[in-house]
Full PDB file with SEQRES, HELIX, SHEET, SSBOND, CRYST1, ORIGX, SCALE, CONECT and MASTER records, all heavy atoms in Angstrom:
SEQRES   1 A   33  GLY ALA GLY SER MET PHE VAL PHE ASN GLY PRO TYR LYS          
SEQRES   2 A   33  ALA VAL LEU ILE SER TYR LEU ASP LYS THR GLU ARG SER          
SEQRES   3 A   33  SER LEU TYR GLU LEU ARG ARG                                  
HELIX    1 AA1 GLY A    3  PHE A    6  1                                   4    
HELIX    2 AA2 LYS A   22  ARG A   32  1                                  11    
SHEET    1 AA1 2 VAL A   7  ASN A   9  0                                        
SHEET    2 AA1 2 VAL A  15  ILE A  17 -1                                        
CRYST1    1.000    1.000    1.000  90.00  90.00  90.00 P 1           1          
ORIGX1      1.000000  0.000000  0.000000        0.00000                         
ORIGX2      0.000000  1.000000  0.000000        0.00000                         
ORIGX3      0.000000  0.000000  1.000000        0.00000                         
SCALE1      1.000000  0.000000  0.000000        0.00000                         
SCALE2      0.000000  1.000000  0.000000        0.00000                         
SCALE3      0.000000  0.000000  1.000000        0.00000                         
ATOM      1  N   GLY A   1       0.834  -1.191   0.000  1.00  0.00           N  
ATOM      2  CA  GLY A   1       0.000   0.000   0.000  1.00  0.00           C  
ATOM      3  C   GLY A   1       0.868   1.239   0.000  1.00  0.00           C  
ATOM      4  O   GLY A   1       1.843   1.316   0.733  1.00  0.00           O  
ATOM      5  N   ALA A   2       0.516   2.191  -0.858  1.00  0.00           N  
ATOM      6  CA  ALA A   2       1.327   3.401  -0.965  1.00  0.00           C  
ATOM      7  C   ALA A   2       0.444   4.610  -1.235  1.00  0.00           C  
ATOM      8  O   ALA A   2       0.608   5.298  -2.230  1.00  0.00           O  
ATOM      9  CB  ALA A   2       2.358   3.221  -2.074  1.00  0.00           C  
ATOM     10  N   GLY A   3      -0.501   4.881  -0.371  1.00  0.00           N  
ATOM     11  CA  GLY A   3      -1.472   5.948  -0.591  1.00  0.00           C  
ATOM     12  C   GLY A   3      -0.865   7.321  -0.788  1.00  0.00           C  
ATOM     13  O   GLY A   3      -1.245   8.053  -1.694  1.00  0.00           O  
ATOM     14  N   SER A   4       0.088   7.717   0.051  1.00  0.00           N  
ATOM     15  CA  SER A   4       0.654   9.059  -0.050  1.00  0.00           C  
ATOM     16  C   SER A   4       1.455   9.247  -1.331  1.00  0.00           C  
ATOM     17  O   SER A   4       1.710  10.370  -1.744  1.00  0.00           O  
ATOM     18  CB  SER A   4       1.519   9.378   1.167  1.00  0.00           C  
ATOM     19  OG  SER A   4       2.604   8.483   1.237  1.00  0.00           O  
ATOM     20  N   MET A   5       1.846   8.155  -1.961  1.00  0.00           N  
ATOM     21  CA  MET A   5       2.579   8.241  -3.222  1.00  0.00           C  
ATOM     22  C   MET A   5       1.667   8.758  -4.340  1.00  0.00           C  
ATOM     23  O   MET A   5       2.130   9.324  -5.312  1.00  0.00           O  
ATOM     24  CB  MET A   5       3.114   6.854  -3.579  1.00  0.00           C  
ATOM     25  CG  MET A   5       4.023   6.817  -4.764  1.00  0.00           C  
ATOM     26  SD  MET A   5       4.712   5.156  -4.927  1.00  0.00           S  
ATOM     27  CE  MET A   5       4.076   4.716  -6.512  1.00  0.00           C  
ATOM     28  N   PHE A   6       0.359   8.597  -4.180  1.00  0.00           N  
ATOM     29  CA  PHE A   6      -0.591   8.949  -5.226  1.00  0.00           C  
ATOM     30  C   PHE A   6      -1.416  10.192  -4.941  1.00  0.00           C  
ATOM     31  O   PHE A   6      -2.096  10.697  -5.808  1.00  0.00           O  
ATOM     32  CB  PHE A   6      -1.546   7.776  -5.477  1.00  0.00           C  
ATOM     33  CG  PHE A   6      -0.841   6.517  -5.869  1.00  0.00           C  
ATOM     34  CD1 PHE A   6      -0.716   5.476  -4.976  1.00  0.00           C  
ATOM     35  CD2 PHE A   6      -0.283   6.384  -7.124  1.00  0.00           C  
ATOM     36  CE1 PHE A   6      -0.058   4.312  -5.338  1.00  0.00           C  
ATOM     37  CE2 PHE A   6       0.385   5.231  -7.491  1.00  0.00           C  
ATOM     38  CZ  PHE A   6       0.497   4.193  -6.589  1.00  0.00           C  
ATOM     39  N   VAL A   7      -1.390  10.688  -3.722  1.00  0.00           N  
ATOM     40  CA  VAL A   7      -2.228  11.827  -3.352  1.00  0.00           C  
ATOM     41  C   VAL A   7      -1.346  12.979  -2.894  1.00  0.00           C  
ATOM     42  O   VAL A   7      -0.450  12.811  -2.083  1.00  0.00           O  
ATOM     43  CB  VAL A   7      -3.216  11.444  -2.224  1.00  0.00           C  
ATOM     44  CG1 VAL A   7      -4.070  12.630  -1.829  1.00  0.00           C  
ATOM     45  CG2 VAL A   7      -4.091  10.288  -2.652  1.00  0.00           C  
ATOM     46  N   PHE A   8      -1.636  14.168  -3.396  1.00  0.00           N  
ATOM     47  CA  PHE A   8      -0.871  15.354  -3.044  1.00  0.00           C  
ATOM     48  C   PHE A   8      -1.834  16.470  -2.676  1.00  0.00           C  
ATOM     49  O   PHE A   8      -2.730  16.794  -3.430  1.00  0.00           O  
ATOM     50  CB  PHE A   8      -0.011  15.785  -4.230  1.00  0.00           C  
ATOM     51  CG  PHE A   8       0.642  17.125  -4.034  1.00  0.00           C  
ATOM     52  CD1 PHE A   8       1.731  17.257  -3.203  1.00  0.00           C  
ATOM     53  CD2 PHE A   8       0.170  18.244  -4.681  1.00  0.00           C  
ATOM     54  CE1 PHE A   8       2.340  18.486  -3.022  1.00  0.00           C  
ATOM     55  CE2 PHE A   8       0.766  19.485  -4.508  1.00  0.00           C  
ATOM     56  CZ  PHE A   8       1.852  19.593  -3.677  1.00  0.00           C  
ATOM     57  N   ASN A   9      -1.663  17.068  -1.512  1.00  0.00           N  
ATOM     58  CA  ASN A   9      -2.461  18.224  -1.101  1.00  0.00           C  
ATOM     59  C   ASN A   9      -1.659  19.478  -1.396  1.00  0.00           C  
ATOM     60  O   ASN A   9      -0.644  19.724  -0.769  1.00  0.00           O  
ATOM     61  CB  ASN A   9      -2.796  18.155   0.391  1.00  0.00           C  
ATOM     62  CG  ASN A   9      -3.718  17.011   0.693  1.00  0.00           C  
ATOM     63  OD1 ASN A   9      -4.708  16.833   0.003  1.00  0.00           O  
ATOM     64  ND2 ASN A   9      -3.407  16.231   1.712  1.00  0.00           N  
ATOM     65  N   GLY A  10      -2.113  20.266  -2.336  1.00  0.00           N  
ATOM     66  CA  GLY A  10      -1.389  21.455  -2.757  1.00  0.00           C  
ATOM     67  C   GLY A  10      -1.775  22.692  -1.978  1.00  0.00           C  
ATOM     68  O   GLY A  10      -2.540  22.634  -1.015  1.00  0.00           O  
ATOM     69  N   PRO A  11      -1.264  23.851  -2.403  1.00  0.00           N  
ATOM     70  CA  PRO A  11      -1.523  25.104  -1.691  1.00  0.00           C  
ATOM     71  C   PRO A  11      -3.003  25.507  -1.725  1.00  0.00           C  
ATOM     72  O   PRO A  11      -3.442  26.307  -0.912  1.00  0.00           O  
ATOM     73  CB  PRO A  11      -0.640  26.117  -2.416  1.00  0.00           C  
ATOM     74  CG  PRO A  11      -0.397  25.535  -3.757  1.00  0.00           C  
ATOM     75  CD  PRO A  11      -0.416  24.037  -3.562  1.00  0.00           C  
ATOM     76  N   TYR A  12      -3.749  24.966  -2.667  1.00  0.00           N  
ATOM     77  CA  TYR A  12      -5.169  25.294  -2.778  1.00  0.00           C  
ATOM     78  C   TYR A  12      -6.055  24.244  -2.130  1.00  0.00           C  
ATOM     79  O   TYR A  12      -7.251  24.204  -2.365  1.00  0.00           O  
ATOM     80  CB  TYR A  12      -5.555  25.470  -4.250  1.00  0.00           C  
ATOM     81  CG  TYR A  12      -4.747  26.542  -4.925  1.00  0.00           C  
ATOM     82  CD1 TYR A  12      -3.771  26.226  -5.855  1.00  0.00           C  
ATOM     83  CD2 TYR A  12      -4.932  27.888  -4.597  1.00  0.00           C  
ATOM     84  CE1 TYR A  12      -3.014  27.208  -6.457  1.00  0.00           C  
ATOM     85  CE2 TYR A  12      -4.177  28.870  -5.193  1.00  0.00           C  
ATOM     86  CZ  TYR A  12      -3.219  28.531  -6.128  1.00  0.00           C  
ATOM     87  OH  TYR A  12      -2.465  29.509  -6.706  1.00  0.00           O  
ATOM     88  N   LYS A  13      -5.457  23.382  -1.308  1.00  0.00           N  
ATOM     89  CA  LYS A  13      -6.173  22.292  -0.640  1.00  0.00           C  
ATOM     90  C   LYS A  13      -6.826  21.347  -1.651  1.00  0.00           C  
ATOM     91  O   LYS A  13      -7.803  20.681  -1.362  1.00  0.00           O  
ATOM     92  CB  LYS A  13      -7.234  22.823   0.330  1.00  0.00           C  
ATOM     93  CG  LYS A  13      -6.705  23.761   1.362  1.00  0.00           C  
ATOM     94  CD  LYS A  13      -6.045  23.006   2.477  1.00  0.00           C  
ATOM     95  CE  LYS A  13      -5.698  23.998   3.580  1.00  0.00           C  
ATOM     96  NZ  LYS A  13      -4.524  23.720   4.273  1.00  0.00           N  
ATOM     97  N   ALA A  14      -6.282  21.312  -2.846  1.00  0.00           N  
ATOM     98  CA  ALA A  14      -6.776  20.416  -3.895  1.00  0.00           C  
ATOM     99  C   ALA A  14      -6.110  19.064  -3.749  1.00  0.00           C  
ATOM    100  O   ALA A  14      -5.085  18.923  -3.097  1.00  0.00           O  
ATOM    101  CB  ALA A  14      -6.474  21.001  -5.274  1.00  0.00           C  
ATOM    102  N   VAL A  15      -6.682  18.074  -4.366  1.00  0.00           N  
ATOM    103  CA  VAL A  15      -6.116  16.735  -4.342  1.00  0.00           C  
ATOM    104  C   VAL A  15      -5.752  16.348  -5.765  1.00  0.00           C  
ATOM    105  O   VAL A  15      -6.588  16.398  -6.662  1.00  0.00           O  
ATOM    106  CB  VAL A  15      -7.107  15.711  -3.750  1.00  0.00           C  
ATOM    107  CG1 VAL A  15      -6.538  14.310  -3.832  1.00  0.00           C  
ATOM    108  CG2 VAL A  15      -7.441  16.063  -2.316  1.00  0.00           C  
ATOM    109  N   LEU A  16      -4.511  15.999  -5.965  1.00  0.00           N  
ATOM    110  CA  LEU A  16      -4.035  15.529  -7.255  1.00  0.00           C  
ATOM    111  C   LEU A  16      -3.751  14.047  -7.104  1.00  0.00           C  
ATOM    112  O   LEU A  16      -2.955  13.652  -6.255  1.00  0.00           O  
ATOM    113  CB  LEU A  16      -2.764  16.264  -7.673  1.00  0.00           C  
ATOM    114  CG  LEU A  16      -2.000  15.685  -8.852  1.00  0.00           C  
ATOM    115  CD1 LEU A  16      -2.846  15.799 -10.122  1.00  0.00           C  
ATOM    116  CD2 LEU A  16      -0.679  16.377  -9.025  1.00  0.00           C  
ATOM    117  N   ILE A  17      -4.409  13.240  -7.895  1.00  0.00           N  
ATOM    118  CA  ILE A  17      -4.186  11.799  -7.823  1.00  0.00           C  
ATOM    119  C   ILE A  17      -3.485  11.385  -9.105  1.00  0.00           C  
ATOM    120  O   ILE A  17      -3.972  11.627 -10.201  1.00  0.00           O  
ATOM    121  CB  ILE A  17      -5.504  11.029  -7.658  1.00  0.00           C  
ATOM    122  CG1 ILE A  17      -6.186  11.469  -6.365  1.00  0.00           C  
ATOM    123  CG2 ILE A  17      -5.253   9.530  -7.663  1.00  0.00           C  
ATOM    124  CD1 ILE A  17      -7.541  10.886  -6.144  1.00  0.00           C  
ATOM    125  N   SER A  18      -2.335  10.762  -8.954  1.00  0.00           N  
ATOM    126  CA  SER A  18      -1.586  10.300 -10.120  1.00  0.00           C  
ATOM    127  C   SER A  18      -1.289   8.817  -9.959  1.00  0.00           C  
ATOM    128  O   SER A  18      -0.602   8.418  -9.031  1.00  0.00           O  
ATOM    129  CB  SER A  18      -0.284  11.088 -10.287  1.00  0.00           C  
ATOM    130  OG  SER A  18       0.518  10.944  -9.152  1.00  0.00           O  
ATOM    131  N   TYR A  19      -1.839   8.016 -10.828  1.00  0.00           N  
ATOM    132  CA  TYR A  19      -1.648   6.576 -10.772  1.00  0.00           C  
ATOM    133  C   TYR A  19      -0.524   6.153 -11.694  1.00  0.00           C  
ATOM    134  O   TYR A  19      -0.194   6.851 -12.649  1.00  0.00           O  
ATOM    135  CB  TYR A  19      -2.932   5.853 -11.206  1.00  0.00           C  
ATOM    136  CG  TYR A  19      -4.096   6.124 -10.301  1.00  0.00           C  
ATOM    137  CD1 TYR A  19      -5.090   7.013 -10.662  1.00  0.00           C  
ATOM    138  CD2 TYR A  19      -4.192   5.495  -9.061  1.00  0.00           C  
ATOM    139  CE1 TYR A  19      -6.161   7.268  -9.819  1.00  0.00           C  
ATOM    140  CE2 TYR A  19      -5.250   5.743  -8.222  1.00  0.00           C  
ATOM    141  CZ  TYR A  19      -6.226   6.631  -8.612  1.00  0.00           C  
ATOM    142  OH  TYR A  19      -7.267   6.882  -7.774  1.00  0.00           O  
ATOM    143  N   LEU A  20       0.057   4.988 -11.419  1.00  0.00           N  
ATOM    144  CA  LEU A  20       1.033   4.417 -12.340  1.00  0.00           C  
ATOM    145  C   LEU A  20       0.313   4.075 -13.635  1.00  0.00           C  
ATOM    146  O   LEU A  20      -0.835   3.630 -13.615  1.00  0.00           O  
ATOM    147  CB  LEU A  20       1.644   3.148 -11.740  1.00  0.00           C  
ATOM    148  CG  LEU A  20       2.393   3.307 -10.420  1.00  0.00           C  
ATOM    149  CD1 LEU A  20       2.818   1.945  -9.909  1.00  0.00           C  
ATOM    150  CD2 LEU A  20       3.574   4.220 -10.578  1.00  0.00           C  
ATOM    151  N   ASP A  21       0.986   4.264 -14.770  1.00  0.00           N  
ATOM    152  CA  ASP A  21       0.340   3.906 -16.032  1.00  0.00           C  
ATOM    153  C   ASP A  21       0.349   2.383 -16.204  1.00  0.00           C  
ATOM    154  O   ASP A  21       0.935   1.653 -15.403  1.00  0.00           O  
ATOM    155  CB  ASP A  21       0.983   4.616 -17.220  1.00  0.00           C  
ATOM    156  CG  ASP A  21       2.429   4.209 -17.484  1.00  0.00           C  
ATOM    157  OD1 ASP A  21       2.793   3.051 -17.190  1.00  0.00           O  
ATOM    158  OD2 ASP A  21       3.178   5.041 -18.012  1.00  0.00           O  
ATOM    159  N   LYS A  22      -0.320   1.905 -17.237  1.00  0.00           N  
ATOM    160  CA  LYS A  22      -0.495   0.464 -17.429  1.00  0.00           C  
ATOM    161  C   LYS A  22       0.843  -0.274 -17.530  1.00  0.00           C  
ATOM    162  O   LYS A  22       1.005  -1.352 -16.967  1.00  0.00           O  
ATOM    163  CB  LYS A  22      -1.334   0.205 -18.683  1.00  0.00           C  
ATOM    164  CG  LYS A  22      -1.709  -1.235 -18.863  1.00  0.00           C  
ATOM    165  CD  LYS A  22      -2.644  -1.431 -20.034  1.00  0.00           C  
ATOM    166  CE  LYS A  22      -3.037  -2.894 -20.143  1.00  0.00           C  
ATOM    167  NZ  LYS A  22      -4.033  -3.110 -21.178  1.00  0.00           N  
ATOM    168  N   THR A  23       1.814   0.301 -18.219  1.00  0.00           N  
ATOM    169  CA  THR A  23       3.127  -0.325 -18.365  1.00  0.00           C  
ATOM    170  C   THR A  23       3.827  -0.436 -17.014  1.00  0.00           C  
ATOM    171  O   THR A  23       4.406  -1.473 -16.686  1.00  0.00           O  
ATOM    172  CB  THR A  23       4.002   0.489 -19.338  1.00  0.00           C  
ATOM    173  OG1 THR A  23       3.322   0.595 -20.581  1.00  0.00           O  
ATOM    174  CG2 THR A  23       5.354  -0.151 -19.536  1.00  0.00           C  
ATOM    175  N   GLU A  24       3.757   0.622 -16.201  1.00  0.00           N  
ATOM    176  CA  GLU A  24       4.392   0.597 -14.880  1.00  0.00           C  
ATOM    177  C   GLU A  24       3.719  -0.431 -13.964  1.00  0.00           C  
ATOM    178  O   GLU A  24       4.394  -1.165 -13.248  1.00  0.00           O  
ATOM    179  CB  GLU A  24       4.328   1.978 -14.238  1.00  0.00           C  
ATOM    180  CG  GLU A  24       5.197   2.999 -14.937  1.00  0.00           C  
ATOM    181  CD  GLU A  24       4.965   4.409 -14.450  1.00  0.00           C  
ATOM    182  OE1 GLU A  24       3.804   4.790 -14.219  1.00  0.00           O  
ATOM    183  OE2 GLU A  24       5.964   5.126 -14.291  1.00  0.00           O  
ATOM    184  N   ARG A  25       2.393  -0.496 -13.997  1.00  0.00           N  
ATOM    185  CA  ARG A  25       1.677  -1.490 -13.187  1.00  0.00           C  
ATOM    186  C   ARG A  25       2.041  -2.897 -13.623  1.00  0.00           C  
ATOM    187  O   ARG A  25       2.290  -3.775 -12.795  1.00  0.00           O  
ATOM    188  CB  ARG A  25       0.160  -1.288 -13.291  1.00  0.00           C  
ATOM    189  CG  ARG A  25      -0.333  -0.061 -12.555  1.00  0.00           C  
ATOM    190  CD  ARG A  25      -1.847  -0.009 -12.465  1.00  0.00           C  
ATOM    191  NE  ARG A  25      -2.567  -0.274 -13.679  1.00  0.00           N  
ATOM    192  CZ  ARG A  25      -2.954   0.628 -14.563  1.00  0.00           C  
ATOM    193  NH1 ARG A  25      -2.679   1.904 -14.368  1.00  0.00           N  
ATOM    194  NH2 ARG A  25      -3.629   0.281 -15.643  1.00  0.00           N  
ATOM    195  N   SER A  26       2.103  -3.135 -14.922  1.00  0.00           N  
ATOM    196  CA  SER A  26       2.434  -4.460 -15.446  1.00  0.00           C  
ATOM    197  C   SER A  26       3.828  -4.891 -15.009  1.00  0.00           C  
ATOM    198  O   SER A  26       4.037  -6.047 -14.656  1.00  0.00           O  
ATOM    199  CB  SER A  26       2.350  -4.475 -16.975  1.00  0.00           C  
ATOM    200  OG  SER A  26       1.027  -4.287 -17.391  1.00  0.00           O  
ATOM    201  N   SER A  27       4.783  -3.958 -15.005  1.00  0.00           N  
ATOM    202  CA  SER A  27       6.148  -4.326 -14.610  1.00  0.00           C  
ATOM    203  C   SER A  27       6.188  -4.728 -13.137  1.00  0.00           C  
ATOM    204  O   SER A  27       6.911  -5.646 -12.758  1.00  0.00           O  
ATOM    205  CB  SER A  27       7.132  -3.186 -14.890  1.00  0.00           C  
ATOM    206  OG  SER A  27       6.909  -2.087 -14.041  1.00  0.00           O  
ATOM    207  N   LEU A  28       5.386  -4.076 -12.283  1.00  0.00           N  
ATOM    208  CA  LEU A  28       5.331  -4.466 -10.880  1.00  0.00           C  
ATOM    209  C   LEU A  28       4.660  -5.817 -10.704  1.00  0.00           C  
ATOM    210  O   LEU A  28       5.079  -6.635  -9.889  1.00  0.00           O  
ATOM    211  CB  LEU A  28       4.602  -3.407 -10.054  1.00  0.00           C  
ATOM    212  CG  LEU A  28       5.345  -2.086  -9.870  1.00  0.00           C  
ATOM    213  CD1 LEU A  28       4.453  -1.076  -9.158  1.00  0.00           C  
ATOM    214  CD2 LEU A  28       6.645  -2.282  -9.123  1.00  0.00           C  
ATOM    215  N   TYR A  29       3.611  -6.092 -11.478  1.00  0.00           N  
ATOM    216  CA  TYR A  29       2.932  -7.396 -11.409  1.00  0.00           C  
ATOM    217  C   TYR A  29       3.885  -8.520 -11.812  1.00  0.00           C  
ATOM    218  O   TYR A  29       3.899  -9.579 -11.208  1.00  0.00           O  
ATOM    219  CB  TYR A  29       1.696  -7.436 -12.306  1.00  0.00           C  
ATOM    220  CG  TYR A  29       0.576  -6.513 -11.898  1.00  0.00           C  
ATOM    221  CD1 TYR A  29      -0.177  -5.852 -12.851  1.00  0.00           C  
ATOM    222  CD2 TYR A  29       0.266  -6.273 -10.559  1.00  0.00           C  
ATOM    223  CE1 TYR A  29      -1.207  -5.003 -12.495  1.00  0.00           C  
ATOM    224  CE2 TYR A  29      -0.754  -5.426 -10.193  1.00  0.00           C  
ATOM    225  CZ  TYR A  29      -1.493  -4.797 -11.157  1.00  0.00           C  
ATOM    226  OH  TYR A  29      -2.499  -3.953 -10.801  1.00  0.00           O  
ATOM    227  N   GLU A  30       4.698  -8.272 -12.833  1.00  0.00           N  
ATOM    228  CA  GLU A  30       5.644  -9.281 -13.298  1.00  0.00           C  
ATOM    229  C   GLU A  30       6.692  -9.575 -12.236  1.00  0.00           C  
ATOM    230  O   GLU A  30       7.089 -10.719 -12.062  1.00  0.00           O  
ATOM    231  CB  GLU A  30       6.309  -8.831 -14.605  1.00  0.00           C  
ATOM    232  CG  GLU A  30       5.391  -8.876 -15.798  1.00  0.00           C  
ATOM    233  CD  GLU A  30       4.774 -10.242 -16.032  1.00  0.00           C  
ATOM    234  OE1 GLU A  30       5.501 -11.262 -15.948  1.00  0.00           O  
ATOM    235  OE2 GLU A  30       3.561 -10.307 -16.286  1.00  0.00           O  
ATOM    236  N   LEU A  31       7.155  -8.560 -11.524  1.00  0.00           N  
ATOM    237  CA  LEU A  31       8.129  -8.777 -10.442  1.00  0.00           C  
ATOM    238  C   LEU A  31       7.536  -9.711  -9.391  1.00  0.00           C  
ATOM    239  O   LEU A  31       8.221 -10.572  -8.851  1.00  0.00           O  
ATOM    240  CB  LEU A  31       8.487  -7.453  -9.774  1.00  0.00           C  
ATOM    241  CG  LEU A  31       9.461  -6.548 -10.504  1.00  0.00           C  
ATOM    242  CD1 LEU A  31       9.579  -5.220  -9.772  1.00  0.00           C  
ATOM    243  CD2 LEU A  31      10.820  -7.215 -10.613  1.00  0.00           C  
ATOM    244  N   ARG A  32       6.262  -9.524  -9.075  1.00  0.00           N  
ATOM    245  CA  ARG A  32       5.611 -10.334  -8.042  1.00  0.00           C  
ATOM    246  C   ARG A  32       5.506 -11.795  -8.453  1.00  0.00           C  
ATOM    247  O   ARG A  32       5.547 -12.682  -7.630  1.00  0.00           O  
ATOM    248  CB  ARG A  32       4.217  -9.752  -7.768  1.00  0.00           C  
ATOM    249  CG  ARG A  32       3.690 -10.178  -6.445  1.00  0.00           C  
ATOM    250  CD  ARG A  32       2.362  -9.545  -6.140  1.00  0.00           C  
ATOM    251  NE  ARG A  32       1.480 -10.637  -5.821  1.00  0.00           N  
ATOM    252  CZ  ARG A  32       0.303 -10.859  -6.350  1.00  0.00           C  
ATOM    253  NH1 ARG A  32      -0.181 -10.056  -7.242  1.00  0.00           N  
ATOM    254  NH2 ARG A  32      -0.419 -11.870  -5.986  1.00  0.00           N  
ATOM    255  N   ARG A  33       5.386 -12.052  -9.742  1.00  0.00           N  
ATOM    256  CA  ARG A  33       5.225 -13.431 -10.230  1.00  0.00           C  
ATOM    257  C   ARG A  33       6.537 -14.201 -10.242  1.00  0.00           C  
ATOM    258  O   ARG A  33       6.534 -15.416 -10.322  1.00  0.00           O  
ATOM    259  CB  ARG A  33       4.643 -13.414 -11.636  1.00  0.00           C  
ATOM    260  CG  ARG A  33       3.224 -12.948 -11.648  1.00  0.00           C  
ATOM    261  CD  ARG A  33       2.661 -12.980 -13.033  1.00  0.00           C  
ATOM    262  NE  ARG A  33       1.327 -12.411 -13.027  1.00  0.00           N  
ATOM    263  CZ  ARG A  33       0.734 -11.931 -14.084  1.00  0.00           C  
ATOM    264  NH1 ARG A  33       1.349 -11.944 -15.244  1.00  0.00           N  
ATOM    265  NH2 ARG A  33      -0.476 -11.435 -14.001  1.00  0.00           N  
TER     266      ARG A  33                                                      
MASTER        0    0    0    2    2    0    0    6  265    1    0    3          
END                                                                             
């Protein structure tokens, strides 16, 4: 779990969520296998 890696609270109290793209997720899944 890495919640803070994906959520950022900026100066406007906004939330920016940035997920790993499909290629990055796939590379992590392959490592697990």
